[in-house]
Amino acid sequence: MQYHVDGALVPEDEATVSVRDRGFMYGDAAFETLRAYGGEPFRWDAHRERLQRTAETLGFDEAVPDDLRERVAETLAANDIEEAYVRLSVTRGVQPGKLTPGSDVDPTVVVICKELQRGGLDGERVWDGPASVQTVRTRRIPSEAVPADAKTHNYLNGILGRLELRKAAAGSNPADECLIRDMDGNLAEGATSNLFFVTDNGLRTPSTDLDLLPGVTRDVVMDIARGEDFPVETGHYSLDALRDADEAFLTNSTWEIRPIATVDGISVGSGPMTKLLQRLFDERIEDRHY
């Protein structure tokens, strides 16, 4: 594989950054993950804008290069792949080892990718089956401490949640995703996913006024649902609301729409709305990328 590091394509084993890079030392960096279908990034503008917002939150908004999309295209072409997971990282760069950032920024910009299955109507799911989900004691960091809508290299919150799954499994297979609640006990999100569930009243998802990162795929699913005149509600929900749901699923750029099989061992499963949203999502990918 070849990766894009600071404007140049380099072999994977040479794709390195300095041990004094602030992204490595402090998590002082912004990143995005996205899917490429047919060689084209899906919802590029949305991902680019969120990356820019995170960089602005961190105080180095001018570090995001104007030619970032071209760097993605070059990385895909160099590896001769069109169906891919793509990760973009922009750090504050190498600075003296002190917590307070310097005013001058020489950013480190990295693009990596790996091949995935084809998407769309003729594609294959990247997951093996519906997800098992388990709630964890780890709570979502409040936005007053770390802005929830900033997608930074500091993913310790989600890592601690995933480690809880491993510990709870006691040597057997852990659940596929942890479900993290906010400090008040409201459902927030998974470690790397957004949550949806279905009741008699329609489609439900935690509101963005909670401590969560609203995903690009989340927005696409809500747009599709509203286009079909499905009732869509955002709000504050308890764990019992999810356990009692008729259907539930997770979304992120890699999984797209993944049904939830169980929540804490309680069967939930997919249903007609989940399956229809999957088909409509696949149709949108097929129409726009193939």
C-alpha atoms as a PDB file:
ATOM      1  CA  MET A   1       0.000   0.000   0.000  1.00  0.00           C
ATOM      2  CA  GLN A   2       0.966   3.627  -0.514  1.00  0.00           C
ATOM      3  CA  TYR A   3      -0.201   6.421   1.744  1.00  0.00           C
ATOM      4  CA  HIS A   4      -0.193  10.202   1.343  1.00  0.00           C
ATOM      5  CA  VAL A   5       2.000  11.934   3.945  1.00  0.00           C
ATOM      6  CA  ASP A   6       2.537  15.695   3.842  1.00  0.00           C
ATOM      7  CA  GLY A   7       1.906  16.008   0.128  1.00  0.00           C
ATOM      8  CA  ALA A   8       3.793  12.939  -1.108  1.00  0.00           C
ATOM      9  CA  LEU A   9       2.916   9.309  -1.744  1.00  0.00           C
ATOM     10  CA  VAL A  10       5.110   6.930   0.234  1.00  0.00           C
ATOM     11  CA  PRO A  11       5.139   3.149   0.794  1.00  0.00           C
ATOM     12  CA  GLU A  12       3.247   1.997   3.856  1.00  0.00           C
ATOM     13  CA  ASP A  13       6.400   1.026   5.766  1.00  0.00           C
ATOM     14  CA  GLU A  14       7.791   4.529   5.231  1.00  0.00           C
ATOM     15  CA  ALA A  15       4.570   6.347   6.160  1.00  0.00           C
ATOM     16  CA  THR A  16       5.650   7.707   9.537  1.00  0.00           C
ATOM     17  CA  VAL A  17       5.291  10.850  11.614  1.00  0.00           C
ATOM     18  CA  SER A  18       7.612  12.380  14.204  1.00  0.00           C
ATOM     19  CA  VAL A  19       7.434  11.237  17.818  1.00  0.00           C
ATOM     20  CA  ARG A  20       7.137  14.959  18.606  1.00  0.00           C
ATOM     21  CA  ASP A  21       4.052  15.388  16.457  1.00  0.00           C
ATOM     22  CA  ARG A  22       1.262  16.824  18.618  1.00  0.00           C
ATOM     23  CA  GLY A  23      -1.242  14.420  17.127  1.00  0.00           C
ATOM     24  CA  PHE A  24       0.820  11.592  18.622  1.00  0.00           C
ATOM     25  CA  MET A  25       1.771  13.343  21.848  1.00  0.00           C
ATOM     26  CA  TYR A  26      -1.559  14.920  22.807  1.00  0.00           C
ATOM     27  CA  GLY A  27      -4.239  13.829  20.350  1.00  0.00           C
ATOM     28  CA  ASP A  28      -4.030  17.395  19.039  1.00  0.00           C
ATOM     29  CA  ALA A  29      -5.426  16.540  15.619  1.00  0.00           C
ATOM     30  CA  ALA A  30      -8.581  16.315  13.519  1.00  0.00           C
ATOM     31  CA  PHE A  31      -9.634  13.326  11.451  1.00  0.00           C
ATOM     32  CA  GLU A  32     -12.399  11.975   9.246  1.00  0.00           C
ATOM     33  CA  THR A  33     -13.256   8.504   7.981  1.00  0.00           C
ATOM     34  CA  LEU A  34     -15.292   8.075   4.835  1.00  0.00           C
ATOM     35  CA  ARG A  35     -16.208   5.599   2.115  1.00  0.00           C
ATOM     36  CA  ALA A  36     -15.174   5.762  -1.512  1.00  0.00           C
ATOM     37  CA  TYR A  37     -17.563   4.162  -3.982  1.00  0.00           C
ATOM     38  CA  GLY A  38     -16.498   3.729  -7.579  1.00  0.00           C
ATOM     39  CA  GLY A  39     -13.409   5.802  -6.864  1.00  0.00           C
ATOM     40  CA  GLU A  40     -15.345   8.804  -5.527  1.00  0.00           C
ATOM     41  CA  PRO A  41     -15.639   9.880  -1.879  1.00  0.00           C
ATOM     42  CA  PHE A  42     -19.196   9.698  -0.563  1.00  0.00           C
ATOM     43  CA  ARG A  43     -20.556  13.015   0.757  1.00  0.00           C
ATOM     44  CA  TRP A  44     -17.163  14.675   0.384  1.00  0.00           C
ATOM     45  CA  ASP A  45     -18.404  18.183   1.160  1.00  0.00           C
ATOM     46  CA  ALA A  46     -19.949  17.083   4.457  1.00  0.00           C
ATOM     47  CA  HIS A  47     -16.791  15.293   5.568  1.00  0.00           C
ATOM     48  CA  ARG A  48     -14.570  18.167   4.454  1.00  0.00           C
ATOM     49  CA  GLU A  49     -16.704  20.695   6.309  1.00  0.00           C
ATOM     50  CA  ARG A  50     -16.707  18.643   9.521  1.00  0.00           C
ATOM     51  CA  LEU A  51     -12.941  18.254   9.339  1.00  0.00           C
ATOM     52  CA  GLN A  52     -12.669  22.016   8.933  1.00  0.00           C
ATOM     53  CA  ARG A  53     -14.963  22.639  11.919  1.00  0.00           C
ATOM     54  CA  THR A  54     -12.871  20.346  14.112  1.00  0.00           C
ATOM     55  CA  ALA A  55      -9.697  22.127  13.016  1.00  0.00           C
ATOM     56  CA  GLU A  56     -11.352  25.451  13.852  1.00  0.00           C
ATOM     57  CA  THR A  57     -12.279  24.142  17.307  1.00  0.00           C
ATOM     58  CA  LEU A  58      -8.637  23.158  17.834  1.00  0.00           C
ATOM     59  CA  GLY A  59      -7.402  26.516  16.574  1.00  0.00           C
ATOM     60  CA  PHE A  60      -5.622  25.480  13.367  1.00  0.00           C
ATOM     61  CA  ASP A  61      -8.329  25.860  10.728  1.00  0.00           C
ATOM     62  CA  GLU A  62      -5.853  27.030   8.066  1.00  0.00           C
ATOM     63  CA  ALA A  63      -3.999  23.693   8.362  1.00  0.00           C
ATOM     64  CA  VAL A  64      -6.561  21.773   6.292  1.00  0.00           C
ATOM     65  CA  PRO A  65      -5.110  21.831   2.753  1.00  0.00           C
ATOM     66  CA  ASP A  66      -7.182  23.069  -0.169  1.00  0.00           C
ATOM     67  CA  ASP A  67      -6.100  20.092  -2.282  1.00  0.00           C
ATOM     68  CA  LEU A  68      -7.151  17.436   0.216  1.00  0.00           C
ATOM     69  CA  ARG A  69      -9.616  15.826  -2.191  1.00  0.00           C
ATOM     70  CA  GLU A  70      -6.885  15.566  -4.823  1.00  0.00           C
ATOM     71  CA  ARG A  71      -4.675  13.830  -2.262  1.00  0.00           C
ATOM     72  CA  VAL A  72      -7.451  11.308  -1.638  1.00  0.00           C
ATOM     73  CA  ALA A  73      -7.794  10.673  -5.376  1.00  0.00           C
ATOM     74  CA  GLU A  74      -4.033  10.204  -5.718  1.00  0.00           C
ATOM     75  CA  THR A  75      -3.979   7.737  -2.819  1.00  0.00           C
ATOM     76  CA  LEU A  76      -6.793   5.646  -4.308  1.00  0.00           C
ATOM     77  CA  ALA A  77      -5.176   5.692  -7.747  1.00  0.00           C
ATOM     78  CA  ALA A  78      -1.743   4.758  -6.395  1.00  0.00           C
ATOM     79  CA  ASN A  79      -3.249   1.674  -4.764  1.00  0.00           C
ATOM     80  CA  ASP A  80      -5.497   0.891  -7.744  1.00  0.00           C
ATOM     81  CA  ILE A  81      -8.645   0.653  -5.623  1.00  0.00           C
ATOM     82  CA  GLU A  82     -12.045   2.266  -6.086  1.00  0.00           C
ATOM     83  CA  GLU A  83     -13.978   0.742  -3.173  1.00  0.00           C
ATOM     84  CA  ALA A  84     -12.315   1.898  -0.007  1.00  0.00           C
ATOM     85  CA  TYR A  85     -12.237   3.046   3.573  1.00  0.00           C
ATOM     86  CA  VAL A  86     -10.399   6.379   3.659  1.00  0.00           C
ATOM     87  CA  ARG A  87      -9.036   8.142   6.719  1.00  0.00           C
ATOM     88  CA  LEU A  88      -7.867  11.763   6.686  1.00  0.00           C
ATOM     89  CA  SER A  89      -5.771  13.177   9.527  1.00  0.00           C
ATOM     90  CA  VAL A  90      -4.581  16.737  10.086  1.00  0.00           C
ATOM     91  CA  THR A  91      -2.423  17.413  13.154  1.00  0.00           C
ATOM     92  CA  ARG A  92      -0.977  20.623  14.515  1.00  0.00           C
ATOM     93  CA  GLY A  93       2.383  19.182  13.519  1.00  0.00           C
ATOM     94  CA  VAL A  94       5.748  18.954  15.244  1.00  0.00           C
ATOM     95  CA  GLN A  95       6.301  21.420  18.062  1.00  0.00           C
ATOM     96  CA  PRO A  96       8.356  21.547  21.277  1.00  0.00           C
ATOM     97  CA  GLY A  97       7.134  19.107  23.899  1.00  0.00           C
ATOM     98  CA  LYS A  98       4.945  21.401  25.967  1.00  0.00           C
ATOM     99  CA  LEU A  99       1.193  21.395  26.395  1.00  0.00           C
ATOM    100  CA  THR A 100       0.542  24.962  25.245  1.00  0.00           C
ATOM    101  CA  PRO A 101       0.559  24.986  21.430  1.00  0.00           C
ATOM    102  CA  GLY A 102       2.779  27.383  19.567  1.00  0.00           C
ATOM    103  CA  SER A 103       1.196  29.998  17.323  1.00  0.00           C
ATOM    104  CA  ASP A 104       3.033  28.792  14.203  1.00  0.00           C
ATOM    105  CA  VAL A 105       1.537  25.656  12.689  1.00  0.00           C
ATOM    106  CA  ASP A 106       3.290  23.351  10.240  1.00  0.00           C
ATOM    107  CA  PRO A 107       0.626  20.630   9.976  1.00  0.00           C
ATOM    108  CA  THR A 108       1.059  16.939   9.365  1.00  0.00           C
ATOM    109  CA  VAL A 109      -1.502  15.741   6.794  1.00  0.00           C
ATOM    110  CA  VAL A 110      -2.021  12.019   6.214  1.00  0.00           C
ATOM    111  CA  VAL A 111      -4.363  10.082   3.916  1.00  0.00           C
ATOM    112  CA  ILE A 112      -4.602   6.308   4.277  1.00  0.00           C
ATOM    113  CA  CYS A 113      -6.998   3.825   2.703  1.00  0.00           C
ATOM    114  CA  LYS A 114      -7.857   0.155   2.612  1.00  0.00           C
ATOM    115  CA  GLU A 115      -9.956  -1.813   0.154  1.00  0.00           C
ATOM    116  CA  LEU A 116     -13.579  -2.657   0.926  1.00  0.00           C
ATOM    117  CA  GLN A 117     -16.340  -4.487  -0.891  1.00  0.00           C
ATOM    118  CA  ARG A 118     -18.419  -2.786  -3.562  1.00  0.00           C
ATOM    119  CA  GLY A 119     -21.337  -0.790  -2.273  1.00  0.00           C
ATOM    120  CA  GLY A 120     -24.720  -0.064  -3.789  1.00  0.00           C
ATOM    121  CA  LEU A 121     -27.370  -2.478  -5.011  1.00  0.00           C
ATOM    122  CA  ASP A 122     -24.861  -5.066  -6.237  1.00  0.00           C
ATOM    123  CA  GLY A 123     -22.560  -4.658  -3.266  1.00  0.00           C
ATOM    124  CA  GLU A 124     -21.761  -6.638  -0.134  1.00  0.00           C
ATOM    125  CA  ARG A 125     -22.014  -5.616   3.494  1.00  0.00           C
ATOM    126  CA  VAL A 126     -18.716  -5.084   5.283  1.00  0.00           C
ATOM    127  CA  TRP A 127     -20.186  -6.603   8.461  1.00  0.00           C
ATOM    128  CA  ASP A 128     -20.874 -10.286   9.039  1.00  0.00           C
ATOM    129  CA  GLY A 129     -24.343  -9.899  10.505  1.00  0.00           C
ATOM    130  CA  PRO A 130     -26.604  -7.751  12.682  1.00  0.00           C
ATOM    131  CA  ALA A 131     -24.794  -6.216  15.636  1.00  0.00           C
ATOM    132  CA  SER A 132     -24.904  -7.274  19.254  1.00  0.00           C
ATOM    133  CA  VAL A 133     -24.891  -4.133  21.403  1.00  0.00           C
ATOM    134  CA  GLN A 134     -24.093  -3.794  25.090  1.00  0.00           C
ATOM    135  CA  THR A 135     -24.412  -0.808  27.380  1.00  0.00           C
ATOM    136  CA  VAL A 136     -21.318   0.187  29.320  1.00  0.00           C
ATOM    137  CA  ARG A 137     -20.541   2.131  32.479  1.00  0.00           C
ATOM    138  CA  THR A 138     -18.318   4.550  30.553  1.00  0.00           C
ATOM    139  CA  ARG A 139     -20.277   7.764  29.996  1.00  0.00           C
ATOM    140  CA  ARG A 140     -19.967  10.244  27.163  1.00  0.00           C
ATOM    141  CA  ILE A 141     -17.586  13.092  27.940  1.00  0.00           C
ATOM    142  CA  PRO A 142     -19.711  16.246  28.369  1.00  0.00           C
ATOM    143  CA  SER A 143     -19.323  18.898  25.692  1.00  0.00           C
ATOM    144  CA  GLU A 144     -18.431  21.366  28.407  1.00  0.00           C
ATOM    145  CA  ALA A 145     -15.209  19.350  28.862  1.00  0.00           C
ATOM    146  CA  VAL A 146     -14.455  18.240  25.277  1.00  0.00           C
ATOM    147  CA  PRO A 147     -16.718  19.448  22.423  1.00  0.00           C
ATOM    148  CA  ALA A 148     -18.693  16.386  21.331  1.00  0.00           C
ATOM    149  CA  ASP A 149     -18.924  17.537  17.712  1.00  0.00           C
ATOM    150  CA  ALA A 150     -15.131  17.700  17.336  1.00  0.00           C
ATOM    151  CA  LYS A 151     -13.713  14.550  15.719  1.00  0.00           C
ATOM    152  CA  THR A 152     -10.224  14.513  17.191  1.00  0.00           C
ATOM    153  CA  HIS A 153      -7.476  11.925  17.600  1.00  0.00           C
ATOM    154  CA  ASN A 154      -8.398  11.641  21.271  1.00  0.00           C
ATOM    155  CA  TYR A 155     -10.798   8.689  21.131  1.00  0.00           C
ATOM    156  CA  LEU A 156     -10.175   7.482  24.668  1.00  0.00           C
ATOM    157  CA  ASN A 157     -13.888   7.657  25.522  1.00  0.00           C
ATOM    158  CA  GLY A 158     -14.804   5.106  22.869  1.00  0.00           C
ATOM    159  CA  ILE A 159     -11.735   2.972  23.569  1.00  0.00           C
ATOM    160  CA  LEU A 160     -12.707   2.640  27.241  1.00  0.00           C
ATOM    161  CA  GLY A 161     -16.203   1.622  26.166  1.00  0.00           C
ATOM    162  CA  ARG A 162     -14.860  -1.047  23.805  1.00  0.00           C
ATOM    163  CA  LEU A 163     -12.495  -2.326  26.514  1.00  0.00           C
ATOM    164  CA  GLU A 164     -15.514  -2.810  28.783  1.00  0.00           C
ATOM    165  CA  LEU A 165     -17.010  -5.085  26.140  1.00  0.00           C
ATOM    166  CA  ARG A 166     -13.853  -7.190  26.083  1.00  0.00           C
ATOM    167  CA  LYS A 167     -13.765  -7.441  29.873  1.00  0.00           C
ATOM    168  CA  ALA A 168     -17.448  -8.388  30.051  1.00  0.00           C
ATOM    169  CA  ALA A 169     -16.946 -11.127  27.452  1.00  0.00           C
ATOM    170  CA  ALA A 170     -14.443 -12.887  29.745  1.00  0.00           C
ATOM    171  CA  GLY A 171     -12.580 -14.555  26.913  1.00  0.00           C
ATOM    172  CA  SER A 172     -15.544 -15.196  24.604  1.00  0.00           C
ATOM    173  CA  ASN A 173     -16.550 -12.995  21.684  1.00  0.00           C
ATOM    174  CA  PRO A 174     -17.359  -9.454  22.864  1.00  0.00           C
ATOM    175  CA  ALA A 175     -20.386  -7.508  21.661  1.00  0.00           C
ATOM    176  CA  ASP A 176     -19.960  -5.711  18.332  1.00  0.00           C
ATOM    177  CA  GLU A 177     -20.579  -2.243  19.721  1.00  0.00           C
ATOM    178  CA  CYS A 178     -20.872  -0.514  23.063  1.00  0.00           C
ATOM    179  CA  LEU A 179     -23.742   1.830  23.766  1.00  0.00           C
ATOM    180  CA  ILE A 180     -22.647   4.949  25.609  1.00  0.00           C
ATOM    181  CA  ARG A 181     -25.003   7.153  27.614  1.00  0.00           C
ATOM    182  CA  ASP A 182     -24.531  10.732  28.736  1.00  0.00           C
ATOM    183  CA  MET A 183     -24.044  11.788  32.341  1.00  0.00           C
ATOM    184  CA  ASP A 184     -27.835  11.930  32.834  1.00  0.00           C
ATOM    185  CA  GLY A 185     -28.362   8.398  31.539  1.00  0.00           C
ATOM    186  CA  ASN A 186     -29.746   9.359  28.133  1.00  0.00           C
ATOM    187  CA  LEU A 187     -28.791   7.212  25.143  1.00  0.00           C
ATOM    188  CA  ALA A 188     -26.061   8.991  23.183  1.00  0.00           C
ATOM    189  CA  GLU A 189     -24.143   6.867  20.645  1.00  0.00           C
ATOM    190  CA  GLY A 190     -21.856   3.935  20.057  1.00  0.00           C
ATOM    191  CA  ALA A 191     -18.084   4.150  20.190  1.00  0.00           C
ATOM    192  CA  THR A 192     -17.975   4.663  16.412  1.00  0.00           C
ATOM    193  CA  SER A 193     -21.636   4.791  15.436  1.00  0.00           C
ATOM    194  CA  ASN A 194     -24.923   6.628  15.733  1.00  0.00           C
ATOM    195  CA  LEU A 195     -28.068   4.956  17.022  1.00  0.00           C
ATOM    196  CA  PHE A 196     -31.547   4.703  15.517  1.00  0.00           C
ATOM    197  CA  PHE A 197     -34.591   2.748  16.626  1.00  0.00           C
ATOM    198  CA  VAL A 198     -38.148   2.302  15.395  1.00  0.00           C
ATOM    199  CA  THR A 199     -41.410   2.456  17.343  1.00  0.00           C
ATOM    200  CA  ASP A 200     -45.068   2.683  16.332  1.00  0.00           C
ATOM    201  CA  ASN A 201     -44.539   6.448  16.060  1.00  0.00           C
ATOM    202  CA  GLY A 202     -41.693   6.231  13.555  1.00  0.00           C
ATOM    203  CA  LEU A 203     -37.924   6.602  13.484  1.00  0.00           C
ATOM    204  CA  ARG A 204     -36.099   7.829  16.589  1.00  0.00           C
ATOM    205  CA  THR A 205     -32.500   8.963  17.168  1.00  0.00           C
ATOM    206  CA  PRO A 206     -30.774  10.821  20.013  1.00  0.00           C
ATOM    207  CA  SER A 207     -30.823  14.588  19.588  1.00  0.00           C
ATOM    208  CA  THR A 208     -27.736  16.636  18.766  1.00  0.00           C
ATOM    209  CA  ASP A 209     -28.327  18.770  21.855  1.00  0.00           C
ATOM    210  CA  LEU A 210     -26.941  15.758  23.737  1.00  0.00           C
ATOM    211  CA  ASP A 211     -23.234  14.947  23.955  1.00  0.00           C
ATOM    212  CA  LEU A 212     -22.746  13.060  20.698  1.00  0.00           C
ATOM    213  CA  LEU A 213     -21.019  13.317  17.344  1.00  0.00           C
ATOM    214  CA  PRO A 214     -23.651  13.529  14.584  1.00  0.00           C
ATOM    215  CA  GLY A 215     -22.406  11.351  11.751  1.00  0.00           C
ATOM    216  CA  VAL A 216     -22.579  12.038   8.041  1.00  0.00           C
ATOM    217  CA  THR A 217     -24.371   8.723   7.451  1.00  0.00           C
ATOM    218  CA  ARG A 218     -26.817   9.635  10.229  1.00  0.00           C
ATOM    219  CA  ASP A 219     -27.744  12.768   8.281  1.00  0.00           C
ATOM    220  CA  VAL A 220     -28.178  10.779   5.060  1.00  0.00           C
ATOM    221  CA  VAL A 221     -30.495   8.273   6.738  1.00  0.00           C
ATOM    222  CA  MET A 222     -32.632  11.047   8.216  1.00  0.00           C
ATOM    223  CA  ASP A 223     -32.805  12.738   4.804  1.00  0.00           C
ATOM    224  CA  ILE A 224     -33.915   9.506   3.142  1.00  0.00           C
ATOM    225  CA  ALA A 225     -36.530   8.833   5.821  1.00  0.00           C
ATOM    226  CA  ARG A 226     -38.005  12.322   5.576  1.00  0.00           C
ATOM    227  CA  GLY A 227     -38.049  12.021   1.794  1.00  0.00           C
ATOM    228  CA  GLU A 228     -40.293   8.987   2.221  1.00  0.00           C
ATOM    229  CA  ASP A 229     -42.511  10.889   4.683  1.00  0.00           C
ATOM    230  CA  PHE A 230     -41.491   8.636   7.566  1.00  0.00           C
ATOM    231  CA  PRO A 231     -41.972  10.342  10.932  1.00  0.00           C
ATOM    232  CA  VAL A 232     -38.504  11.196  12.272  1.00  0.00           C
ATOM    233  CA  GLU A 233     -37.998  12.341  15.854  1.00  0.00           C
ATOM    234  CA  THR A 234     -34.861  13.381  17.690  1.00  0.00           C
ATOM    235  CA  GLY A 235     -34.965  13.461  21.452  1.00  0.00           C
ATOM    236  CA  HIS A 236     -33.727  12.229  24.803  1.00  0.00           C
ATOM    237  CA  TYR A 237     -34.300   8.503  25.248  1.00  0.00           C
ATOM    238  CA  SER A 238     -33.800   5.985  28.009  1.00  0.00           C
ATOM    239  CA  LEU A 239     -32.290   2.537  27.653  1.00  0.00           C
ATOM    240  CA  ASP A 240     -35.742   1.017  28.141  1.00  0.00           C
ATOM    241  CA  ALA A 241     -36.998   2.874  25.061  1.00  0.00           C
ATOM    242  CA  LEU A 242     -34.402   1.085  22.965  1.00  0.00           C
ATOM    243  CA  ARG A 243     -34.988  -2.308  24.567  1.00  0.00           C
ATOM    244  CA  ASP A 244     -38.721  -1.974  23.848  1.00  0.00           C
ATOM    245  CA  ALA A 245     -38.225  -0.839  20.231  1.00  0.00           C
ATOM    246  CA  ASP A 246     -39.612  -2.744  17.254  1.00  0.00           C
ATOM    247  CA  GLU A 247     -36.364  -2.351  15.293  1.00  0.00           C
ATOM    248  CA  ALA A 248     -32.976  -0.733  15.818  1.00  0.00           C
ATOM    249  CA  PHE A 249     -29.846  -0.083  13.810  1.00  0.00           C
ATOM    250  CA  LEU A 250     -26.463   1.652  13.864  1.00  0.00           C
ATOM    251  CA  THR A 251     -24.948   3.937  11.249  1.00  0.00           C
ATOM    252  CA  ASN A 252     -21.455   5.004  10.302  1.00  0.00           C
ATOM    253  CA  SER A 253     -19.528   5.516   7.085  1.00  0.00           C
ATOM    254  CA  THR A 254     -18.098   1.997   6.986  1.00  0.00           C
ATOM    255  CA  TRP A 255     -21.089  -0.007   8.212  1.00  0.00           C
ATOM    256  CA  GLU A 256     -23.626   2.228   6.421  1.00  0.00           C
ATOM    257  CA  ILE A 257     -26.802   0.839   8.078  1.00  0.00           C
ATOM    258  CA  ARG A 258     -26.258  -2.150  10.384  1.00  0.00           C
ATOM    259  CA  PRO A 259     -29.251  -3.718  12.152  1.00  0.00           C
ATOM    260  CA  ILE A 260     -29.030  -4.357  15.877  1.00  0.00           C
ATOM    261  CA  ALA A 261     -29.740  -7.967  16.807  1.00  0.00           C
ATOM    262  CA  THR A 262     -29.637  -7.642  20.599  1.00  0.00           C
ATOM    263  CA  VAL A 263     -29.260  -4.995  23.281  1.00  0.00           C
ATOM    264  CA  ASP A 264     -27.802  -6.390  26.503  1.00  0.00           C
ATOM    265  CA  GLY A 265     -28.942  -9.829  25.365  1.00  0.00           C
ATOM    266  CA  ILE A 266     -32.505  -8.672  24.654  1.00  0.00           C
ATOM    267  CA  SER A 267     -33.607  -9.358  21.073  1.00  0.00           C
ATOM    268  CA  VAL A 268     -34.492  -6.316  18.996  1.00  0.00           C
ATOM    269  CA  GLY A 269     -33.620  -7.122  15.393  1.00  0.00           C
ATOM    270  CA  SER A 270     -34.304  -5.550  12.045  1.00  0.00           C
ATOM    271  CA  GLY A 271     -37.685  -5.048  10.422  1.00  0.00           C
ATOM    272  CA  PRO A 272     -39.435  -3.467   7.452  1.00  0.00           C
ATOM    273  CA  MET A 273     -38.266   0.100   8.043  1.00  0.00           C
ATOM    274  CA  THR A 274     -34.631  -0.886   8.559  1.00  0.00           C
ATOM    275  CA  LYS A 275     -34.674  -3.043   5.432  1.00  0.00           C
ATOM    276  CA  LEU A 276     -36.347  -0.318   3.388  1.00  0.00           C
ATOM    277  CA  LEU A 277     -33.861   2.308   4.541  1.00  0.00           C
ATOM    278  CA  GLN A 278     -31.008  -0.052   3.639  1.00  0.00           C
ATOM    279  CA  ARG A 279     -32.424  -0.503   0.145  1.00  0.00           C
ATOM    280  CA  LEU A 280     -33.002   3.215  -0.349  1.00  0.00           C
ATOM    281  CA  PHE A 281     -29.471   3.946   0.877  1.00  0.00           C
ATOM    282  CA  ASP A 282     -28.074   1.367  -1.555  1.00  0.00           C
ATOM    283  CA  GLU A 283     -30.106   2.914  -4.371  1.00  0.00           C
ATOM    284  CA  ARG A 284     -28.680   6.343  -3.586  1.00  0.00           C
ATOM    285  CA  ILE A 285     -25.135   4.962  -3.679  1.00  0.00           C
ATOM    286  CA  GLU A 286     -25.852   3.090  -6.909  1.00  0.00           C
ATOM    287  CA  ASP A 287     -27.339   6.157  -8.578  1.00  0.00           C
ATOM    288  CA  ARG A 288     -24.599   8.582  -7.544  1.00  0.00           C
ATOM    289  CA  HIS A 289     -21.471   6.440  -7.757  1.00  0.00           C
ATOM    290  CA  TYR A 290     -22.010   3.683 -10.317  1.00  0.00           C
END
